C-alpha atoms as a PDB file:
ATOM      1  CA  MET A   1      10.295   6.876  23.056  1.00  0.00           C
ATOM      2  CA  THR A   2       8.993   9.648  20.786  1.00  0.00           C
ATOM      3  CA  PRO A   3       5.395   9.014  19.639  1.00  0.00           C
ATOM      4  CA  THR A   4       4.818   8.528  15.927  1.00  0.00           C
ATOM      5  CA  TYR A   5       3.075  11.385  14.148  1.00  0.00           C
ATOM      6  CA  PRO A   6      -0.604  10.303  14.286  1.00  0.00           C
ATOM      7  CA  PHE A   7      -2.299   9.008  11.156  1.00  0.00           C
ATOM      8  CA  THR A   8      -5.390  11.116  11.867  1.00  0.00           C
ATOM      9  CA  ALA A   9      -3.271  14.266  12.209  1.00  0.00           C
ATOM     10  CA  VAL A  10      -2.111  14.156   8.590  1.00  0.00           C
ATOM     11  CA  LEU A  11      -4.123  16.681   6.589  1.00  0.00           C
ATOM     12  CA  GLY A  12      -5.145  16.120   2.975  1.00  0.00           C
ATOM     13  CA  HIS A  13      -4.043  13.170   0.806  1.00  0.00           C
ATOM     14  CA  ASP A  14      -7.336  11.383   1.437  1.00  0.00           C
ATOM     15  CA  GLU A  15      -6.883   8.987  -1.490  1.00  0.00           C
ATOM     16  CA  PHE A  16      -3.554   7.705  -0.179  1.00  0.00           C
ATOM     17  CA  LYS A  17      -4.881   7.420   3.371  1.00  0.00           C
ATOM     18  CA  THR A  18      -7.902   5.454   2.180  1.00  0.00           C
ATOM     19  CA  ALA A  19      -5.706   3.178   0.065  1.00  0.00           C
ATOM     20  CA  LEU A  20      -3.543   2.339   3.079  1.00  0.00           C
ATOM     21  CA  LEU A  21      -6.622   1.620   5.186  1.00  0.00           C
ATOM     22  CA  LEU A  22      -7.984  -0.707   2.494  1.00  0.00           C
ATOM     23  CA  THR A  23      -4.801  -2.799   2.591  1.00  0.00           C
ATOM     24  CA  ALA A  24      -5.168  -3.008   6.361  1.00  0.00           C
ATOM     25  CA  VAL A  25      -8.732  -4.288   5.974  1.00  0.00           C
ATOM     26  CA  ASP A  26      -7.724  -6.760   3.240  1.00  0.00           C
ATOM     27  CA  PRO A  27      -3.971  -7.436   2.950  1.00  0.00           C
ATOM     28  CA  GLY A  28      -4.777  -9.447  -0.173  1.00  0.00           C
ATOM     29  CA  ILE A  29      -4.978  -6.130  -2.023  1.00  0.00           C
ATOM     30  CA  SER A  30      -1.197  -6.583  -1.897  1.00  0.00           C
ATOM     31  CA  GLY A  31       0.127  -3.048  -1.972  1.00  0.00           C
ATOM     32  CA  VAL A  32      -0.016   0.669  -2.624  1.00  0.00           C
ATOM     33  CA  VAL A  33       2.280   2.856  -4.674  1.00  0.00           C
ATOM     34  CA  ALA A  34       2.164   6.608  -4.069  1.00  0.00           C
ATOM     35  CA  MET A  35       3.983   8.740  -6.597  1.00  0.00           C
ATOM     36  CA  GLY A  36       4.251  12.481  -6.248  1.00  0.00           C
ATOM     37  CA  ASP A  37       6.101  15.468  -4.906  1.00  0.00           C
ATOM     38  CA  ARG A  38       8.719  15.242  -2.195  1.00  0.00           C
ATOM     39  CA  GLY A  39       7.794  16.324   1.316  1.00  0.00           C
ATOM     40  CA  THR A  40       4.105  15.436   1.063  1.00  0.00           C
ATOM     41  CA  ALA A  41       3.834  13.093   4.081  1.00  0.00           C
ATOM     42  CA  LYS A  42       4.064   9.843   2.109  1.00  0.00           C
ATOM     43  CA  SER A  43       6.630   8.328   4.490  1.00  0.00           C
ATOM     44  CA  THR A  44       4.878   9.847   7.499  1.00  0.00           C
ATOM     45  CA  LEU A  45       1.601   8.150   6.602  1.00  0.00           C
ATOM     46  CA  ILE A  46       2.962   4.640   6.158  1.00  0.00           C
ATOM     47  CA  ARG A  47       4.836   4.816   9.457  1.00  0.00           C
ATOM     48  CA  ALA A  48       1.742   6.250  11.138  1.00  0.00           C
ATOM     49  CA  LEU A  49      -0.277   3.314   9.802  1.00  0.00           C
ATOM     50  CA  GLY A  50       1.879   0.931  11.835  1.00  0.00           C
ATOM     51  CA  GLU A  51       0.961   2.770  15.032  1.00  0.00           C
ATOM     52  CA  LEU A  52      -2.721   2.782  14.063  1.00  0.00           C
ATOM     53  CA  LEU A  53      -2.658  -0.973  13.456  1.00  0.00           C
ATOM     54  CA  ALA A  54      -1.070  -1.508  16.862  1.00  0.00           C
ATOM     55  CA  ILE A  55      -3.910   0.441  18.493  1.00  0.00           C
ATOM     56  CA  SER A  56      -6.339  -1.815  16.590  1.00  0.00           C
ATOM     57  CA  GLY A  57      -4.673  -4.859  18.108  1.00  0.00           C
ATOM     58  CA  ILE A  58      -3.262  -5.902  14.738  1.00  0.00           C
ATOM     59  CA  ASP A  59       0.302  -7.227  14.752  1.00  0.00           C
ATOM     60  CA  ALA A  60       1.620  -5.904  11.442  1.00  0.00           C
ATOM     61  CA  PRO A  61       5.222  -4.659  11.420  1.00  0.00           C
ATOM     62  CA  VAL A  62       6.218  -1.841   9.081  1.00  0.00           C
ATOM     63  CA  VAL A  63       9.713  -2.528   7.718  1.00  0.00           C
ATOM     64  CA  ASP A  64      11.799  -0.121   5.628  1.00  0.00           C
ATOM     65  CA  LEU A  65      13.737  -1.466   2.643  1.00  0.00           C
ATOM     66  CA  PRO A  66      16.422   1.152   1.946  1.00  0.00           C
ATOM     67  CA  LEU A  67      17.892   1.815  -1.468  1.00  0.00           C
ATOM     68  CA  GLY A  68      21.250   0.114  -1.802  1.00  0.00           C
ATOM     69  CA  ALA A  69      20.343  -2.789   0.494  1.00  0.00           C
ATOM     70  CA  THR A  70      22.412  -5.886  -0.278  1.00  0.00           C
ATOM     71  CA  GLU A  71      20.858  -9.159  -1.351  1.00  0.00           C
ATOM     72  CA  ASP A  72      21.720 -10.757   2.005  1.00  0.00           C
ATOM     73  CA  ARG A  73      20.086  -7.863   3.844  1.00  0.00           C
ATOM     74  CA  VAL A  74      16.913  -8.251   1.794  1.00  0.00           C
ATOM     75  CA  VAL A  75      16.435 -12.027   1.628  1.00  0.00           C
ATOM     76  CA  GLY A  76      18.579 -13.138   4.569  1.00  0.00           C
ATOM     77  CA  ALA A  77      21.753 -15.179   4.715  1.00  0.00           C
ATOM     78  CA  LEU A  78      22.949 -18.664   5.570  1.00  0.00           C
ATOM     79  CA  ASP A  79      26.016 -19.067   7.768  1.00  0.00           C
ATOM     80  CA  VAL A  80      27.955 -21.438   5.511  1.00  0.00           C
ATOM     81  CA  ASP A  81      31.076 -21.515   7.730  1.00  0.00           C
ATOM     82  CA  ARG A  82      29.076 -22.661  10.728  1.00  0.00           C
ATOM     83  CA  ALA A  83      27.370 -25.288   8.618  1.00  0.00           C
ATOM     84  CA  LEU A  84      30.743 -26.647   7.492  1.00  0.00           C
ATOM     85  CA  ARG A  85      32.221 -26.640  11.003  1.00  0.00           C
ATOM     86  CA  HIS A  86      29.245 -27.869  12.997  1.00  0.00           C
ATOM     87  CA  GLY A  87      26.921 -29.389  10.428  1.00  0.00           C
ATOM     88  CA  GLU A  88      24.275 -26.874  11.399  1.00  0.00           C
ATOM     89  CA  ALA A  89      22.772 -24.410   8.924  1.00  0.00           C
ATOM     90  CA  VAL A  90      21.931 -21.135  10.659  1.00  0.00           C
ATOM     91  CA  PHE A  91      19.677 -18.670   8.875  1.00  0.00           C
ATOM     92  CA  ARG A  92      20.000 -14.957   9.556  1.00  0.00           C
ATOM     93  CA  PRO A  93      16.633 -13.395   8.662  1.00  0.00           C
ATOM     94  CA  GLY A  94      16.500 -10.481   6.254  1.00  0.00           C
ATOM     95  CA  LEU A  95      13.997  -7.718   5.663  1.00  0.00           C
ATOM     96  CA  LEU A  96      11.544 -10.038   3.897  1.00  0.00           C
ATOM     97  CA  ALA A  97      11.320 -12.202   7.008  1.00  0.00           C
ATOM     98  CA  ASP A  98      10.941  -9.138   9.216  1.00  0.00           C
ATOM     99  CA  ALA A  99       8.046  -7.868   7.077  1.00  0.00           C
ATOM    100  CA  HIS A 100       6.089 -11.153   7.044  1.00  0.00           C
ATOM    101  CA  GLY A 101       2.508 -10.460   8.068  1.00  0.00           C
ATOM    102  CA  GLY A 102       3.006  -6.704   7.824  1.00  0.00           C
ATOM    103  CA  TYR A 103       4.253  -4.021   5.468  1.00  0.00           C
ATOM    104  CA  LEU A 104       7.435  -3.621   3.448  1.00  0.00           C
ATOM    105  CA  TYR A 105       7.977   0.056   2.678  1.00  0.00           C
ATOM    106  CA  ILE A 106      10.281   1.324  -0.066  1.00  0.00           C
ATOM    107  CA  ASP A 107      10.873   5.042  -0.450  1.00  0.00           C
ATOM    108  CA  GLU A 108      12.025   6.051  -3.947  1.00  0.00           C
ATOM    109  CA  VAL A 109      10.786   2.680  -5.173  1.00  0.00           C
ATOM    110  CA  ASN A 110      11.261   3.819  -8.783  1.00  0.00           C
ATOM    111  CA  LEU A 111      15.026   3.941  -8.150  1.00  0.00           C
ATOM    112  CA  LEU A 112      15.240   0.408  -6.752  1.00  0.00           C
ATOM    113  CA  ASP A 113      18.026  -1.811  -8.111  1.00  0.00           C
ATOM    114  CA  ASP A 114      16.840  -4.296 -10.722  1.00  0.00           C
ATOM    115  CA  PHE A 115      18.073  -7.316  -8.755  1.00  0.00           C
ATOM    116  CA  VAL A 116      15.937  -6.275  -5.763  1.00  0.00           C
ATOM    117  CA  VAL A 117      12.932  -5.748  -8.038  1.00  0.00           C
ATOM    118  CA  ASP A 118      13.384  -9.277  -9.393  1.00  0.00           C
ATOM    119  CA  LEU A 119      13.591 -10.675  -5.855  1.00  0.00           C
ATOM    120  CA  LEU A 120      10.421  -8.869  -4.832  1.00  0.00           C
ATOM    121  CA  LEU A 121       8.552 -10.095  -7.913  1.00  0.00           C
ATOM    122  CA  ASP A 122       9.525 -13.703  -7.184  1.00  0.00           C
ATOM    123  CA  VAL A 123       8.513 -13.518  -3.536  1.00  0.00           C
ATOM    124  CA  ALA A 124       5.303 -11.591  -4.270  1.00  0.00           C
ATOM    125  CA  ALA A 125       4.232 -14.301  -6.709  1.00  0.00           C
ATOM    126  CA  SER A 126       4.865 -17.230  -4.364  1.00  0.00           C
ATOM    127  CA  GLY A 127       4.647 -15.826  -0.846  1.00  0.00           C
ATOM    128  CA  ILE A 128       7.800 -17.828  -0.083  1.00  0.00           C
ATOM    129  CA  ASN A 129      11.364 -16.582   0.250  1.00  0.00           C
ATOM    130  CA  ILE A 130      13.988 -19.155  -0.734  1.00  0.00           C
ATOM    131  CA  VAL A 131      17.641 -18.591   0.163  1.00  0.00           C
ATOM    132  CA  GLU A 132      20.273 -20.857  -1.398  1.00  0.00           C
ATOM    133  CA  ARG A 133      24.016 -20.680  -0.741  1.00  0.00           C
ATOM    134  CA  ASP A 134      26.709 -23.247  -1.563  1.00  0.00           C
ATOM    135  CA  GLY A 135      24.374 -26.225  -1.625  1.00  0.00           C
ATOM    136  CA  LEU A 136      22.403 -25.109   1.439  1.00  0.00           C
ATOM    137  CA  SER A 137      18.804 -23.992   1.243  1.00  0.00           C
ATOM    138  CA  HIS A 138      16.310 -22.315   3.541  1.00  0.00           C
ATOM    139  CA  ARG A 139      12.753 -21.203   2.884  1.00  0.00           C
ATOM    140  CA  HIS A 140      10.232 -19.267   4.922  1.00  0.00           C
ATOM    141  CA  PRO A 141       6.854 -17.590   4.346  1.00  0.00           C
ATOM    142  CA  ALA A 142       7.086 -13.968   3.244  1.00  0.00           C
ATOM    143  CA  ARG A 143       3.673 -12.457   2.736  1.00  0.00           C
ATOM    144  CA  PHE A 144       3.461  -8.721   3.155  1.00  0.00           C
ATOM    145  CA  VAL A 145       1.798  -5.611   1.807  1.00  0.00           C
ATOM    146  CA  LEU A 146       4.233  -3.736  -0.413  1.00  0.00           C
ATOM    147  CA  VAL A 147       4.113   0.054  -0.140  1.00  0.00           C
ATOM    148  CA  GLY A 148       6.236   2.220  -2.386  1.00  0.00           C
ATOM    149  CA  SER A 149       6.622   5.946  -2.821  1.00  0.00           C
ATOM    150  CA  GLY A 150       8.644   8.097  -5.151  1.00  0.00           C
ATOM    151  CA  ASN A 151       8.883  11.094  -7.434  1.00  0.00           C
ATOM    152  CA  PRO A 152       7.990  10.166 -11.045  1.00  0.00           C
ATOM    153  CA  GLU A 153      10.286  12.913 -12.363  1.00  0.00           C
ATOM    154  CA  GLU A 154      13.258  10.865 -11.126  1.00  0.00           C
ATOM    155  CA  GLY A 155      12.351   7.679 -12.971  1.00  0.00           C
ATOM    156  CA  GLN A 156       9.524   5.337 -13.894  1.00  0.00           C
ATOM    157  CA  LEU A 157       8.539   2.089 -12.225  1.00  0.00           C
ATOM    158  CA  ARG A 158       9.179  -1.144 -14.068  1.00  0.00           C
ATOM    159  CA  PRO A 159       5.781  -2.291 -15.420  1.00  0.00           C
ATOM    160  CA  GLN A 160       6.132  -5.739 -13.823  1.00  0.00           C
ATOM    161  CA  LEU A 161       6.586  -4.177 -10.387  1.00  0.00           C
ATOM    162  CA  GLU A 162       3.913  -1.530 -10.884  1.00  0.00           C
ATOM    163  CA  ASP A 163       1.390  -4.257 -11.702  1.00  0.00           C
ATOM    164  CA  ARG A 164       2.076  -5.921  -8.338  1.00  0.00           C
ATOM    165  CA  PHE A 165       0.709  -2.917  -6.470  1.00  0.00           C
ATOM    166  CA  GLY A 166      -3.002  -3.361  -5.933  1.00  0.00           C
ATOM    167  CA  LEU A 167      -3.576   0.387  -5.690  1.00  0.00           C
ATOM    168  CA  SER A 168      -1.912   3.439  -7.194  1.00  0.00           C
ATOM    169  CA  THR A 169      -2.252   6.964  -5.834  1.00  0.00           C
ATOM    170  CA  HIS A 170      -0.812  10.353  -6.712  1.00  0.00           C
ATOM    171  CA  VAL A 171       0.200  12.735  -3.954  1.00  0.00           C
ATOM    172  CA  GLN A 172       0.560  16.401  -4.811  1.00  0.00           C
ATOM    173  CA  THR A 173       1.721  19.433  -2.883  1.00  0.00           C
ATOM    174  CA  ILE A 174      -1.252  21.110  -1.221  1.00  0.00           C
ATOM    175  CA  THR A 175      -1.793  24.619  -2.581  1.00  0.00           C
ATOM    176  CA  ASP A 176      -4.605  25.821  -0.315  1.00  0.00           C
ATOM    177  CA  VAL A 177      -3.059  28.531   1.880  1.00  0.00           C
ATOM    178  CA  GLY A 178      -5.268  27.843   4.890  1.00  0.00           C
ATOM    179  CA  LEU A 179      -4.617  24.106   4.846  1.00  0.00           C
ATOM    180  CA  ARG A 180      -0.876  24.580   4.342  1.00  0.00           C
ATOM    181  CA  THR A 181      -0.790  26.973   7.286  1.00  0.00           C
ATOM    182  CA  GLN A 182      -2.526  24.381   9.453  1.00  0.00           C
ATOM    183  CA  ILE A 183      -0.062  21.697   8.329  1.00  0.00           C
ATOM    184  CA  VAL A 184       2.894  23.865   9.338  1.00  0.00           C
ATOM    185  CA  ARG A 185       1.309  24.740  12.694  1.00  0.00           C
ATOM    186  CA  GLN A 186       0.652  21.097  13.504  1.00  0.00           C
ATOM    187  CA  ARG A 187       4.176  20.095  12.552  1.00  0.00           C
ATOM    188  CA  LEU A 188       5.632  22.792  14.793  1.00  0.00           C
ATOM    189  CA  ASP A 189       3.382  21.670  17.644  1.00  0.00           C
ATOM    190  CA  TYR A 190       4.497  18.060  17.184  1.00  0.00           C
ATOM    191  CA  ASP A 191       8.180  18.995  17.107  1.00  0.00           C
ATOM    192  CA  SER A 192       7.726  21.121  20.228  1.00  0.00           C
ATOM    193  CA  ASP A 193       6.081  18.381  22.322  1.00  0.00           C
ATOM    194  CA  PRO A 194       5.320  15.063  20.568  1.00  0.00           C
ATOM    195  CA  ASP A 195       3.613  13.546  23.618  1.00  0.00           C
ATOM    196  CA  VAL A 196       1.160  16.402  24.066  1.00  0.00           C
ATOM    197  CA  PHE A 197       0.498  16.483  20.328  1.00  0.00           C
ATOM    198  CA  ALA A 198      -0.184  12.733  20.189  1.00  0.00           C
ATOM    199  CA  GLU A 199      -2.570  13.023  23.127  1.00  0.00           C
ATOM    200  CA  ARG A 200      -4.589  15.642  21.226  1.00  0.00           C
ATOM    201  CA  PHE A 201      -5.351  13.046  18.567  1.00  0.00           C
ATOM    202  CA  SER A 202      -5.745   9.987  20.790  1.00  0.00           C
ATOM    203  CA  VAL A 203      -9.561   9.954  20.595  1.00  0.00           C
ATOM    204  CA  ARG A 204      -9.513  10.184  16.792  1.00  0.00           C
ATOM    205  CA  GLN A 205      -6.836   7.503  16.618  1.00  0.00           C
ATOM    206  CA  HIS A 206      -8.823   5.079  18.756  1.00  0.00           C
ATOM    207  CA  HIS A 207     -12.033   5.798  16.844  1.00  0.00           C
ATOM    208  CA  LEU A 208     -10.360   5.039  13.503  1.00  0.00           C
ATOM    209  CA  ALA A 209      -8.626   1.986  14.979  1.00  0.00           C
ATOM    210  CA  GLN A 210     -12.010   0.636  16.087  1.00  0.00           C
ATOM    211  CA  ARG A 211     -13.437   1.218  12.595  1.00  0.00           C
ATOM    212  CA  LEU A 212     -10.486  -0.625  11.122  1.00  0.00           C
ATOM    213  CA  ALA A 213     -10.834  -3.600  13.463  1.00  0.00           C
ATOM    214  CA  ALA A 214     -14.577  -3.798  12.784  1.00  0.00           C
ATOM    215  CA  ALA A 215     -14.038  -3.670   9.029  1.00  0.00           C
ATOM    216  CA  ARG A 216     -11.513  -6.511   9.178  1.00  0.00           C
ATOM    217  CA  ALA A 217     -13.974  -8.577  11.190  1.00  0.00           C
ATOM    218  CA  ASP A 218     -16.846  -7.810   8.797  1.00  0.00           C
ATOM    219  CA  LEU A 219     -14.934  -8.285   5.534  1.00  0.00           C
ATOM    220  CA  GLU A 220     -15.721 -11.958   4.915  1.00  0.00           C
ATOM    221  CA  GLY A 221     -19.425 -11.278   5.362  1.00  0.00           C
ATOM    222  CA  VAL A 222     -19.607  -8.501   2.764  1.00  0.00           C
ATOM    223  CA  GLU A 223     -21.467  -9.847  -0.259  1.00  0.00           C
ATOM    224  CA  VAL A 224     -20.660  -9.180  -3.905  1.00  0.00           C
ATOM    225  CA  ASP A 225     -23.597  -9.671  -6.260  1.00  0.00           C
ATOM    226  CA  GLU A 226     -23.473 -10.560  -9.940  1.00  0.00           C
ATOM    227  CA  GLN A 227     -24.223  -7.000 -11.062  1.00  0.00           C
ATOM    228  CA  ILE A 228     -21.158  -5.681  -9.218  1.00  0.00           C
ATOM    229  CA  LEU A 229     -19.006  -8.439 -10.727  1.00  0.00           C
ATOM    230  CA  SER A 230     -20.310  -7.600 -14.188  1.00  0.00           C
ATOM    231  CA  ASP A 231     -19.723  -3.873 -13.661  1.00  0.00           C
ATOM    232  CA  ALA A 232     -16.149  -4.537 -12.511  1.00  0.00           C
ATOM    233  CA  VAL A 233     -15.383  -6.540 -15.644  1.00  0.00           C
ATOM    234  CA  ARG A 234     -17.031  -3.946 -17.890  1.00  0.00           C
ATOM    235  CA  LEU A 235     -14.964  -1.190 -16.271  1.00  0.00           C
ATOM    236  CA  CYS A 236     -11.745  -3.058 -16.987  1.00  0.00           C
ATOM    237  CA  VAL A 237     -12.775  -3.665 -20.590  1.00  0.00           C
ATOM    238  CA  GLU A 238     -13.840  -0.030 -21.005  1.00  0.00           C
ATOM    239  CA  VAL A 239     -10.406   1.307 -19.999  1.00  0.00           C
ATOM    240  CA  ASP A 240      -8.437  -1.441 -21.830  1.00  0.00           C
ATOM    241  CA  ALA A 241      -6.943  -2.678 -18.565  1.00  0.00           C
ATOM    242  CA  VAL A 242      -3.955  -4.944 -19.192  1.00  0.00           C
ATOM    243  CA  GLY A 243      -4.374  -8.489 -17.852  1.00  0.00           C
ATOM    244  CA  HIS A 244      -7.041  -9.765 -15.469  1.00  0.00           C
ATOM    245  CA  ARG A 245      -5.563  -8.701 -12.142  1.00  0.00           C
ATOM    246  CA  GLY A 246      -7.556  -5.473 -12.394  1.00  0.00           C
ATOM    247  CA  GLU A 247     -10.933  -7.167 -11.936  1.00  0.00           C
ATOM    248  CA  VAL A 248      -9.747  -9.123  -8.912  1.00  0.00           C
ATOM    249  CA  MET A 249      -8.198  -6.083  -7.257  1.00  0.00           C
ATOM    250  CA  LEU A 250     -11.223  -3.945  -8.077  1.00  0.00           C
ATOM    251  CA  ILE A 251     -13.557  -6.362  -6.312  1.00  0.00           C
ATOM    252  CA  ARG A 252     -11.191  -6.711  -3.350  1.00  0.00           C
ATOM    253  CA  ALA A 253     -10.843  -2.951  -2.945  1.00  0.00           C
ATOM    254  CA  ALA A 254     -14.575  -2.295  -3.325  1.00  0.00           C
ATOM    255  CA  ARG A 255     -15.324  -5.002  -0.779  1.00  0.00           C
ATOM    256  CA  ALA A 256     -12.822  -3.598   1.719  1.00  0.00           C
ATOM    257  CA  LEU A 257     -14.267  -0.126   1.195  1.00  0.00           C
ATOM    258  CA  ALA A 258     -17.766  -1.473   1.806  1.00  0.00           C
ATOM    259  CA  ALA A 259     -16.553  -3.067   5.044  1.00  0.00           C
ATOM    260  CA  LEU A 260     -15.066   0.247   6.182  1.00  0.00           C
ATOM    261  CA  ARG A 261     -18.385   1.928   5.428  1.00  0.00           C
ATOM    262  CA  ARG A 262     -20.315  -0.832   7.247  1.00  0.00           C
ATOM    263  CA  HIS A 263     -22.153  -1.851   4.078  1.00  0.00           C
ATOM    264  CA  PRO A 264     -23.335  -5.497   4.169  1.00  0.00           C
ATOM    265  CA  THR A 265     -23.140  -5.636   0.357  1.00  0.00           C
ATOM    266  CA  VAL A 266     -20.794  -3.910  -2.078  1.00  0.00           C
ATOM    267  CA  MET A 267     -22.644  -0.912  -3.480  1.00  0.00           C
ATOM    268  CA  ARG A 268     -22.090   0.699  -6.848  1.00  0.00           C
ATOM    269  CA  GLY A 269     -20.659   3.721  -5.044  1.00  0.00           C
ATOM    270  CA  ASP A 270     -18.046   1.491  -3.403  1.00  0.00           C
ATOM    271  CA  LEU A 271     -17.056   0.118  -6.796  1.00  0.00           C
ATOM    272  CA  ALA A 272     -16.920   3.606  -8.300  1.00  0.00           C
ATOM    273  CA  ASP A 273     -14.693   4.957  -5.529  1.00  0.00           C
ATOM    274  CA  ALA A 274     -12.312   1.985  -5.779  1.00  0.00           C
ATOM    275  CA  ALA A 275     -11.942   2.206  -9.559  1.00  0.00           C
ATOM    276  CA  ILE A 276      -9.409   5.029  -9.941  1.00  0.00           C
ATOM    277  CA  PRO A 277      -6.709   3.759  -7.537  1.00  0.00           C
ATOM    278  CA  VAL A 278      -7.122   0.208  -8.847  1.00  0.00           C
ATOM    279  CA  LEU A 279      -7.143   0.928 -12.585  1.00  0.00           C
ATOM    280  CA  ARG A 280      -5.173   4.107 -13.280  1.00  0.00           C
ATOM    281  CA  HIS A 281      -1.854   2.224 -13.444  1.00  0.00           C
ATOM    282  CA  ARG A 282      -3.255  -0.732 -15.410  1.00  0.00           C
ATOM    283  CA  ILE A 283      -4.267   1.051 -18.589  1.00  0.00           C
ATOM    284  CA  PRO A 284      -2.079   1.770 -21.639  1.00  0.00           C
ATOM    285  CA  ARG A 285      -0.260   5.102 -21.325  1.00  0.00           C
ATOM    286  CA  GLU A 286       2.067   7.176 -23.419  1.00  0.00           C
ATOM    287  CA  PRO A 287       5.620   7.768 -22.114  1.00  0.00           C
ATOM    288  CA  PHE A 288       5.703  10.653 -19.615  1.00  0.00           C
ATOM    289  CA  GLU A 289       1.931  11.034 -19.831  1.00  0.00           C
ATOM    290  CA  ARG A 290       0.527  13.094 -16.966  1.00  0.00           C
ATOM    291  CA  PRO A 291      -1.268  11.023 -14.293  1.00  0.00           C
ATOM    292  CA  THR A 292      -4.391  13.135 -14.728  1.00  0.00           C
ATOM    293  CA  VAL A 293      -4.923  11.681 -18.208  1.00  0.00           C
ATOM    294  CA  ALA A 294      -5.294   8.102 -16.944  1.00  0.00           C
ATOM    295  CA  THR A 295      -7.384   9.306 -14.013  1.00  0.00           C
ATOM    296  CA  ALA A 296      -9.779  11.092 -16.369  1.00  0.00           C
ATOM    297  CA  ARG A 297     -10.138   7.970 -18.524  1.00  0.00           C
ATOM    298  CA  VAL A 298     -11.073   5.842 -15.528  1.00  0.00           C
ATOM    299  CA  ARG A 299     -13.451   8.484 -14.193  1.00  0.00           C
ATOM    300  CA  ASN A 300     -15.243   8.691 -17.548  1.00  0.00           C
ATOM    301  CA  ALA A 301     -15.521   4.898 -17.666  1.00  0.00           C
ATOM    302  CA  VAL A 302     -17.016   4.854 -14.174  1.00  0.00           C
ATOM    303  CA  VAL A 303     -19.700   7.328 -15.190  1.00  0.00           C
ATOM    304  CA  SER A 304     -20.426   5.307 -18.338  1.00  0.00           C
ATOM    305  CA  VAL A 305     -20.565   1.871 -16.699  1.00  0.00           C
ATOM    306  CA  VAL A 306     -21.595   2.441 -13.097  1.00  0.00           C
ATOM    307  CA  GLY A 307     -23.428   5.733 -13.360  1.00  0.00           C
ATOM    308  CA  HIS A 308     -21.594   7.211 -10.357  1.00  0.00           C
ATOM    309  CA  PHE A 309     -18.870   9.818 -10.268  1.00  0.00           C
ATOM    310  CA  ALA A 310     -15.642   8.380  -8.866  1.00  0.00           C
ATOM    311  CA  ALA A 311     -14.436  10.184  -5.764  1.00  0.00           C
END
């Protein structure tokens, strides 16, 4: 079996990598959406995360939801004929069942059919998938981290779905010549001999996996004081964040980041660094507004409220 391209071998895109790690520390962050240019390792990173979690001893499947998937493929199906003949309802699990306890990944999430978006919103709200066919019903738990990627030039996300992603990142084509050269060299090395390439990064992979496992174990013990809570609320007010999910996600992300950094208490720097991915997609924007505009607004608010520059 060909080894997965290692998570630690992916160069650049630090914000997206950190966002994925935060959802691994605290799945309650609920998801990451990464919008940006094609061919920038978005799919590579989410699949590499699954391998990293396995090294950490974390059983978290990474399941792809392809565009054009039928309703039965997504939610599962009941064998009505068998139920009529034998009086036994047999449930054939779908992708939501497969992703329970792990990750559901959607490439080109902004092009997803509306009926699938509605299904995902229902399940994300309840954590339960309910399948009903011809008077038969089956339900099962379906809690997963939703990860989406896409190119914003091809279409915008529905606001209701965008709000369900705890974190939002933007992935751009790397323009540094030296770094791009290294990316190409590493890709050629991997294609030439995946096993040898994976071995080169095995120490880094295990080191990061240990950090991840330790952060998950430490998460519940990370304290959040009243000043951090107040700063989180003030940040959301400062940027006119829509709804109250922003404050909750901001605290969750800052706490997970503190756990990764081995901080016993959430620091103001943790809150500052979590603010942009949590809030940039929760503030009012003009149609087709460049992502950098929202990012700048959040960064200015961080400096005003927290007194730290956001990373």
